[in-house]
């Protein structure tokens, strides 16, 4: 009797062992052949069967770069049933041949000899014919989406706080209609001049000159200025131009007496080492800044080169003979490795207007408990 029960048990165990879903693709590679870069996205369908003896379920479909596969059979597929996976590829900006994989995760046992382990892989391939350059690209106007375009949208001005500085942008109207060009919410320290007046005619190219009055702005250091341009373009009615400003203090007109009585910046250390830190461990270091001059020292700007460091002054103005603390906070988040950085201190010390502090930390993963 015991022998019979053991045989029955073994029978059911074998039945359970071999009762499993099994996916079988009609084809594991879809060849798109030759497609045009400007032709838009293309989609290929992979069809498969469940040749096992239990319901098959697609747990996850994970495409590679440039490929998407959001559309696939999501409901359980019974034995003998059919399913599909649609793989979509976007050729824009990807000329040349491609060969991409898609990982398929199912409820088929991972150690199954039927699939050689998970995940399963299917592939798409093809060749993208490079599109011809657009009229905008041929003219050098690669940025933007509309028919009113600037050749570049970003520029840089390096000047002193005693000067007016200019930067010139090129603009062109690629449409068949004239467009009014206007500039909104301009601050008092910025004026704009154009070579075409207030209206840009069809196929006309012109210049937009931005004039920056550093004395009126009254800010030293590095900062950004944004100029918003409006037009009648149907796609981009507002275009933002950005200027990266680097304004240095002008000490050229200081008299000998002013130079003799000028502030003098002194830091108690030229380097800060946080040592070994762990991820998500926030810590602080303090630098002491002393004014050894005869007039107030003004800290114009503090510029750390990495976002993992933040800085704060106890006081941005330090009287002669006094000191103030500069607090440097380090937060590596989950970034391991070396965190080398610099901290630029911009001040009104004419002999040392830009003082650079070196900072470092070595980050290791937080030990598991």
Protein backbone atom coordinates (compact mmCIF):
# COMPACT_ATOMS: atom_id res chain seq x y z
CA UNK A 1 0.00 0.00 0.00
CA UNK A 2 2.83 2.30 0.94
CA UNK A 3 4.52 1.45 -2.34
CA UNK A 4 1.33 2.40 -4.22
CA UNK A 5 1.02 5.73 -2.40
CA UNK A 6 4.65 6.52 -3.14
CA UNK A 7 4.10 5.78 -6.82
CA UNK A 8 1.04 8.05 -6.91
CA UNK A 9 2.99 10.80 -5.19
CA UNK A 10 5.84 10.51 -7.66
CA UNK A 11 3.36 10.60 -10.52
CA UNK A 12 1.82 13.85 -9.29
CA UNK A 13 5.27 15.37 -8.66
CA UNK A 14 6.34 14.55 -12.20
CA UNK A 15 3.07 15.96 -13.52
CA UNK A 16 3.64 19.23 -11.62
CA UNK A 17 7.27 19.32 -12.73
CA UNK A 18 6.38 19.08 -16.40
CA UNK A 19 3.24 21.24 -16.16
CA UNK A 20 4.61 24.61 -17.22
CA UNK A 21 4.11 27.28 -19.88
CA UNK A 22 6.46 27.42 -22.84
CA UNK A 23 6.79 30.32 -25.28
CA UNK A 24 7.72 29.69 -28.90
CA UNK A 25 8.22 32.58 -31.34
CA UNK A 26 7.45 32.21 -35.03
CA UNK A 27 10.59 34.31 -35.64
CA UNK A 28 13.00 35.80 -33.11
CA UNK A 29 14.37 38.49 -35.50
CA UNK A 30 12.40 41.14 -37.38
CA UNK A 31 14.23 42.75 -40.30
CA UNK A 32 12.89 46.20 -41.25
CA UNK A 33 15.20 46.30 -44.24
CA UNK A 34 15.97 49.81 -45.47
CA UNK A 35 13.93 52.64 -43.88
CA UNK A 36 14.13 56.43 -44.22
CA UNK A 37 15.30 58.52 -41.29
CA UNK A 38 12.56 61.10 -41.91
CA UNK A 39 9.89 58.46 -42.53
CA UNK A 40 8.74 58.25 -38.92
CA UNK A 41 8.57 55.34 -36.49
CA UNK A 42 8.27 51.78 -37.82
CA UNK A 43 6.69 48.79 -36.07
CA UNK A 44 7.32 45.08 -36.45
CA UNK A 45 5.16 42.35 -34.88
CA UNK A 46 6.53 39.24 -33.23
CA UNK A 47 3.94 36.43 -32.90
CA UNK A 48 4.33 33.47 -30.58
CA UNK A 49 2.50 30.42 -29.24
CA UNK A 50 2.20 28.85 -25.82
CA UNK A 51 3.28 25.25 -26.52
CA UNK A 52 3.29 24.37 -22.83
CA UNK A 53 0.50 22.94 -20.73
CA UNK A 54 -0.10 25.90 -18.37
CA UNK A 55 -1.16 29.52 -18.94
CA UNK A 56 1.67 31.73 -20.22
CA UNK A 57 2.03 35.29 -18.87
CA UNK A 58 4.35 38.05 -20.14
CA UNK A 59 5.62 39.65 -16.94
CA UNK A 60 7.77 42.33 -18.56
CA UNK A 61 9.03 43.41 -21.98
CA UNK A 62 12.26 45.45 -21.85
CA UNK A 63 13.39 47.07 -25.13
CA UNK A 64 16.88 48.35 -25.87
CA UNK A 65 17.85 51.94 -26.78
CA UNK A 66 15.77 53.62 -29.50
CA UNK A 67 13.16 50.86 -29.39
CA UNK A 68 9.80 50.67 -27.62
CA UNK A 69 7.46 47.75 -27.09
CA UNK A 70 4.49 49.10 -25.17
CA UNK A 71 1.96 47.04 -27.13
CA UNK A 72 1.93 43.31 -26.37
CA UNK A 73 -0.42 40.58 -25.15
CA UNK A 74 -1.02 41.26 -21.48
CA UNK A 75 -3.70 38.70 -20.60
CA UNK A 76 -2.72 35.08 -19.76
CA UNK A 77 -2.34 32.88 -22.86
CA UNK A 78 -3.75 29.36 -22.48
CA UNK A 79 -1.95 26.25 -23.80
CA UNK A 80 -2.13 26.32 -27.59
CA UNK A 81 -2.99 30.04 -27.55
CA UNK A 82 -1.31 32.83 -29.51
CA UNK A 83 0.15 36.20 -28.51
CA UNK A 84 2.19 39.07 -29.96
CA UNK A 85 4.75 41.77 -29.17
CA UNK A 86 4.91 44.94 -31.26
CA UNK A 87 8.42 46.45 -31.44
CA UNK A 88 8.63 50.08 -32.59
CA UNK A 89 11.83 51.80 -33.71
CA UNK A 90 12.37 55.55 -34.15
CA UNK A 91 14.95 56.16 -36.94
CA UNK A 92 15.16 59.94 -36.50
CA UNK A 93 18.73 60.94 -35.68
CA UNK A 94 19.96 57.34 -36.05
CA UNK A 95 21.29 56.91 -39.61
CA UNK A 96 23.11 53.67 -40.46
CA UNK A 97 22.55 50.03 -39.60
CA UNK A 98 21.00 48.96 -36.30
CA UNK A 99 20.57 45.71 -34.40
CA UNK A 100 18.58 45.99 -31.16
CA UNK A 101 17.47 43.42 -28.63
CA UNK A 102 14.29 43.13 -26.57
CA UNK A 103 14.27 41.14 -23.35
CA UNK A 104 11.17 39.07 -22.59
CA UNK A 105 10.37 38.05 -19.02
CA UNK A 106 7.62 35.41 -18.61
CA UNK A 107 6.30 33.02 -15.98
CA UNK A 108 8.15 30.22 -17.72
CA UNK A 109 10.57 28.79 -15.10
CA UNK A 110 13.96 30.49 -15.28
CA UNK A 111 15.87 27.26 -14.97
CA UNK A 112 13.78 25.59 -17.64
CA UNK A 113 15.73 23.67 -20.25
CA UNK A 114 13.01 24.73 -22.66
CA UNK A 115 14.19 28.31 -22.86
CA UNK A 116 17.76 28.03 -21.59
CA UNK A 117 17.10 30.49 -18.79
CA UNK A 118 15.48 33.93 -18.59
CA UNK A 119 15.13 36.42 -20.06
CA UNK A 120 14.32 35.43 -23.61
CA UNK A 121 15.69 37.66 -26.37
CA UNK A 122 14.18 38.82 -29.64
CA UNK A 123 15.83 41.18 -32.11
CA UNK A 124 15.07 43.92 -34.61
CA UNK A 125 17.47 45.06 -37.31
CA UNK A 126 17.65 47.21 -40.40
CA UNK A 127 19.37 50.14 -42.07
CA UNK A 128 18.34 53.77 -41.76
CA UNK A 129 18.88 55.91 -44.87
CA UNK A 130 20.26 59.29 -43.83
CA UNK A 131 17.80 62.04 -44.57
CA UNK A 132 18.81 64.97 -46.80
CA UNK A 133 19.65 68.18 -44.91
CA UNK A 134 16.77 70.61 -44.35
CA UNK A 135 16.77 74.17 -45.67
CA UNK A 136 17.46 75.28 -42.10
CA UNK A 137 20.50 73.03 -41.76
CA UNK A 138 21.85 74.08 -45.16
CA UNK A 139 21.70 77.69 -43.96
CA UNK A 140 23.33 76.81 -40.63
CA UNK A 141 20.14 77.28 -38.58
CA UNK A 142 19.99 73.89 -36.86
CA UNK A 143 18.29 74.93 -33.61
CA UNK A 144 14.56 75.35 -33.13
CA UNK A 145 11.42 73.90 -34.68
CA UNK A 146 9.67 76.81 -36.34
CA UNK A 147 10.26 78.96 -39.42
CA UNK A 148 11.63 81.91 -37.45
CA UNK A 149 15.03 80.75 -36.27
CA UNK A 150 18.15 81.95 -34.52
CA UNK A 151 21.47 80.45 -35.63
CA UNK A 152 22.35 80.01 -31.96
CA UNK A 153 20.36 80.57 -28.80
CA UNK A 154 23.19 80.75 -26.29
CA UNK A 155 26.14 83.10 -25.98
CA UNK A 156 28.72 84.26 -23.47
CA UNK A 157 29.85 87.72 -22.41
CA UNK A 158 32.98 88.38 -20.35
CA UNK A 159 33.24 91.99 -19.19
CA UNK A 160 33.86 94.23 -16.19
CA UNK A 161 31.36 96.00 -13.97
CA UNK A 162 32.38 99.37 -15.45
CA UNK A 163 31.54 98.57 -19.08
CA UNK A 164 28.73 98.03 -21.50
CA UNK A 165 29.07 94.80 -23.47
CA UNK A 166 27.38 93.50 -26.64
CA UNK A 167 26.49 90.13 -28.09
CA UNK A 168 25.06 89.58 -31.56
CA UNK A 169 22.60 86.83 -32.54
CA UNK A 170 21.73 85.95 -36.16
CA UNK A 171 18.04 85.50 -37.00
CA UNK A 172 16.30 84.43 -40.23
CA UNK A 173 12.69 84.23 -41.44
CA UNK A 174 12.25 81.03 -43.47
CA UNK A 175 8.50 81.58 -43.97
CA UNK A 176 6.63 83.33 -46.76
CA UNK A 177 5.11 85.90 -44.39
CA UNK A 178 6.57 88.89 -42.60
CA UNK A 179 6.86 88.55 -38.83
CA UNK A 180 6.92 91.23 -36.15
CA UNK A 181 9.84 90.67 -33.76
CA UNK A 182 9.52 91.93 -30.21
CA UNK A 183 11.32 91.53 -26.89
CA UNK A 184 9.28 91.21 -23.71
CA UNK A 185 10.03 91.97 -20.06
CA UNK A 186 13.51 93.34 -20.72
CA UNK A 187 15.26 94.49 -17.52
CA UNK A 188 16.59 98.05 -17.39
CA UNK A 189 20.21 96.93 -17.77
CA UNK A 190 19.51 95.23 -21.14
CA UNK A 191 18.61 96.92 -24.42
CA UNK A 192 18.21 95.32 -27.84
CA UNK A 193 18.92 96.63 -31.34
CA UNK A 194 18.02 94.92 -34.63
CA UNK A 195 19.30 95.40 -38.18
CA UNK A 196 15.77 95.05 -39.61
CA UNK A 197 13.65 97.29 -37.42
CA UNK A 198 10.58 95.67 -35.85
CA UNK A 199 9.52 93.40 -38.75
CA UNK A 200 11.48 90.54 -40.31
CA UNK A 201 10.48 90.03 -43.95
CA UNK A 202 10.17 86.66 -45.75
CA UNK A 203 13.57 85.00 -46.34
CA UNK A 204 15.27 87.93 -44.59
CA UNK A 205 18.29 87.40 -42.36
CA UNK A 206 19.24 89.95 -39.75
CA UNK A 207 21.04 90.57 -36.48
CA UNK A 208 19.77 91.01 -32.93
CA UNK A 209 22.31 92.85 -30.79
CA UNK A 210 21.93 92.55 -27.02
CA UNK A 211 23.55 95.39 -25.04
CA UNK A 212 24.35 94.66 -21.40
CA UNK A 213 24.99 97.56 -19.00
CA UNK A 214 27.11 96.02 -16.23
CA UNK A 215 27.18 99.22 -14.17
CA UNK A 216 23.39 99.36 -14.07
CA UNK A 217 23.13 95.63 -13.26
CA UNK A 218 25.58 96.11 -10.38
CA UNK A 219 26.41 92.40 -10.05
CA UNK A 220 29.84 90.79 -10.15
CA UNK A 221 30.49 87.11 -10.85
CA UNK A 222 28.89 84.46 -13.04
CA UNK A 223 25.16 84.48 -13.78
CA UNK A 224 22.66 84.09 -16.62
CA UNK A 225 20.54 86.57 -18.54
CA UNK A 226 17.51 85.43 -20.57
CA UNK A 227 15.99 87.47 -23.43
CA UNK A 228 12.51 86.39 -24.59
CA UNK A 229 11.72 87.03 -28.27
CA UNK A 230 8.17 86.95 -29.65
CA UNK A 231 7.14 86.41 -33.29
CA UNK A 232 4.17 85.15 -35.33
CA UNK A 233 5.62 81.67 -35.96
CA UNK A 234 2.91 79.01 -35.71
CA UNK A 235 5.21 76.56 -33.87
CA UNK A 236 7.43 78.75 -31.69
CA UNK A 237 5.83 82.07 -30.85
CA UNK A 238 8.34 82.66 -28.04
CA UNK A 239 12.07 82.01 -28.33
CA UNK A 240 14.41 82.28 -25.34
CA UNK A 241 17.98 83.49 -25.84
CA UNK A 242 20.47 82.93 -23.03
CA UNK A 243 23.66 84.78 -22.18
CA UNK A 244 26.17 83.31 -19.74
CA UNK A 245 27.65 86.33 -17.99
CA UNK A 246 31.09 86.56 -16.41
CA UNK A 247 31.41 90.04 -14.89
CA UNK A 248 34.70 90.93 -13.22
CA UNK A 249 35.24 93.87 -10.92
CA UNK A 250 37.19 96.73 -12.53
CA UNK A 251 40.02 97.90 -10.25
CA UNK A 252 41.89 99.79 -12.98
CA UNK A 253 40.71 103.20 -11.78
CA UNK A 254 41.67 102.67 -8.12
CA UNK A 255 43.99 105.38 -6.82
CA UNK A 256 47.15 104.41 -4.90
CA UNK A 257 45.38 105.38 -1.67
CA UNK A 258 42.37 103.17 -2.51
CA UNK A 259 44.67 100.24 -3.26
CA UNK A 260 46.53 100.81 0.02
CA UNK A 261 43.27 100.84 2.00
CA UNK A 262 41.59 98.03 0.02
CA UNK A 263 40.26 94.88 1.68
CA UNK A 264 42.50 91.82 1.80
CA UNK A 265 40.98 88.33 1.79
CA UNK A 266 42.72 85.60 3.79
CA UNK A 267 41.43 82.03 4.20
CA UNK A 268 42.67 79.78 6.99
CA UNK A 269 43.07 76.99 4.41
CA UNK A 270 43.34 76.72 0.64
CA UNK A 271 42.03 73.15 0.53
CA UNK A 272 39.23 71.22 2.22
CA UNK A 273 39.32 67.43 2.51
CA UNK A 274 36.20 65.61 3.72
CA UNK A 275 38.08 62.34 3.82
CA UNK A 276 36.16 59.09 3.37
CA UNK A 277 32.38 59.47 3.41
CA UNK A 278 29.47 57.08 2.83
CA UNK A 279 26.64 57.56 0.34
CA UNK A 280 23.74 59.65 1.66
CA UNK A 281 25.99 60.85 4.50
CA UNK A 282 25.81 64.65 4.74
CA UNK A 283 28.70 66.42 6.43
CA UNK A 284 30.08 69.94 6.91
CA UNK A 285 33.44 71.67 6.97
CA UNK A 286 34.15 75.26 8.02
CA UNK A 287 36.60 77.73 6.49
CA UNK A 288 37.39 80.98 8.25
CA UNK A 289 37.72 84.06 6.05
CA UNK A 290 39.47 87.09 7.53
CA UNK A 291 39.68 90.65 6.21
CA UNK A 292 43.22 91.92 6.80
CA UNK A 293 42.65 95.12 4.83
CA UNK A 294 41.47 98.57 5.91
CA UNK A 295 38.00 98.71 4.28
CA UNK A 296 35.06 96.22 4.30
CA UNK A 297 35.56 92.99 2.38
CA UNK A 298 32.50 92.09 0.30
CA UNK A 299 32.04 88.50 -0.83
CA UNK A 300 30.41 88.94 -4.25
CA UNK A 301 29.76 85.30 -5.12
CA UNK A 302 30.47 81.71 -4.06
CA UNK A 303 30.67 79.22 -6.96
CA UNK A 304 31.18 75.48 -6.26
CA UNK A 305 32.01 73.44 -9.36
CA UNK A 306 29.95 70.39 -8.28
CA UNK A 307 26.35 70.22 -7.10
CA UNK A 308 27.28 67.76 -4.33
CA UNK A 309 28.80 70.74 -2.50
CA UNK A 310 26.71 73.67 -1.24
CA UNK A 311 28.13 76.74 0.49
CA UNK A 312 26.93 79.47 2.82
CA UNK A 313 28.66 82.50 4.34
CA UNK A 314 28.00 83.58 7.90
CA UNK A 315 28.20 87.15 6.57
CA UNK A 316 28.85 88.39 3.02
CA UNK A 317 30.46 91.60 4.37
CA UNK A 318 33.47 91.38 6.67
CA UNK A 319 34.78 94.49 8.40
CA UNK A 320 38.55 95.19 8.70
CA UNK A 321 40.23 92.86 11.20
CA UNK A 322 37.17 90.64 11.51
CA UNK A 323 36.42 87.10 10.34
CA UNK A 324 33.40 85.11 9.13
CA UNK A 325 32.73 81.42 8.72
CA UNK A 326 32.22 79.82 5.33
CA UNK A 327 30.23 76.58 5.74
CA UNK A 328 30.72 73.91 3.06
CA UNK A 329 28.14 71.12 3.06
CA UNK A 330 28.82 67.87 1.25
CA UNK A 331 25.98 65.56 0.17
CA UNK A 332 27.14 62.76 -2.18
CA UNK A 333 23.68 61.20 -2.44
CA UNK A 334 24.36 57.82 -4.07
CA UNK A 335 27.45 58.84 -6.07
CA UNK A 336 30.50 56.81 -5.09
CA UNK A 337 34.13 57.51 -5.94
CA UNK A 338 36.22 60.68 -5.86
CA UNK A 339 34.42 64.03 -5.56
CA UNK A 340 37.08 66.54 -6.65
CA UNK A 341 35.80 70.10 -6.93
CA UNK A 342 36.73 73.76 -6.67
CA UNK A 343 35.08 76.63 -4.88
CA UNK A 344 35.55 80.09 -6.41
CA UNK A 345 35.26 83.00 -3.98
CA UNK A 346 34.66 86.29 -5.78
CA UNK A 347 35.36 89.39 -3.67
CA UNK A 348 36.30 93.07 -3.85
CA UNK A 349 39.93 92.42 -2.95
CA UNK A 350 41.72 94.09 -5.91
CA UNK A 351 44.83 91.91 -5.59
CA UNK A 352 42.92 88.64 -5.22
CA UNK A 353 39.41 89.12 -6.67
CA UNK A 354 39.04 85.40 -7.40
CA UNK A 355 40.26 82.97 -4.77
CA UNK A 356 39.94 79.25 -5.50
CA UNK A 357 39.61 76.57 -2.81
CA UNK A 358 40.20 72.92 -3.69
CA UNK A 359 37.72 70.41 -2.24
CA UNK A 360 37.81 66.63 -2.16
CA UNK A 361 35.94 63.66 -0.72
CA UNK A 362 36.11 59.91 -1.28
CA UNK A 363 32.71 58.21 -1.18
CA UNK A 364 32.05 54.55 -0.47
CA UNK A 365 28.73 52.67 -0.47
CA UNK A 366 26.93 52.75 2.87
CA UNK A 367 27.57 49.39 4.61
CA UNK A 368 24.50 47.16 4.80
CA UNK A 369 23.20 46.47 8.26
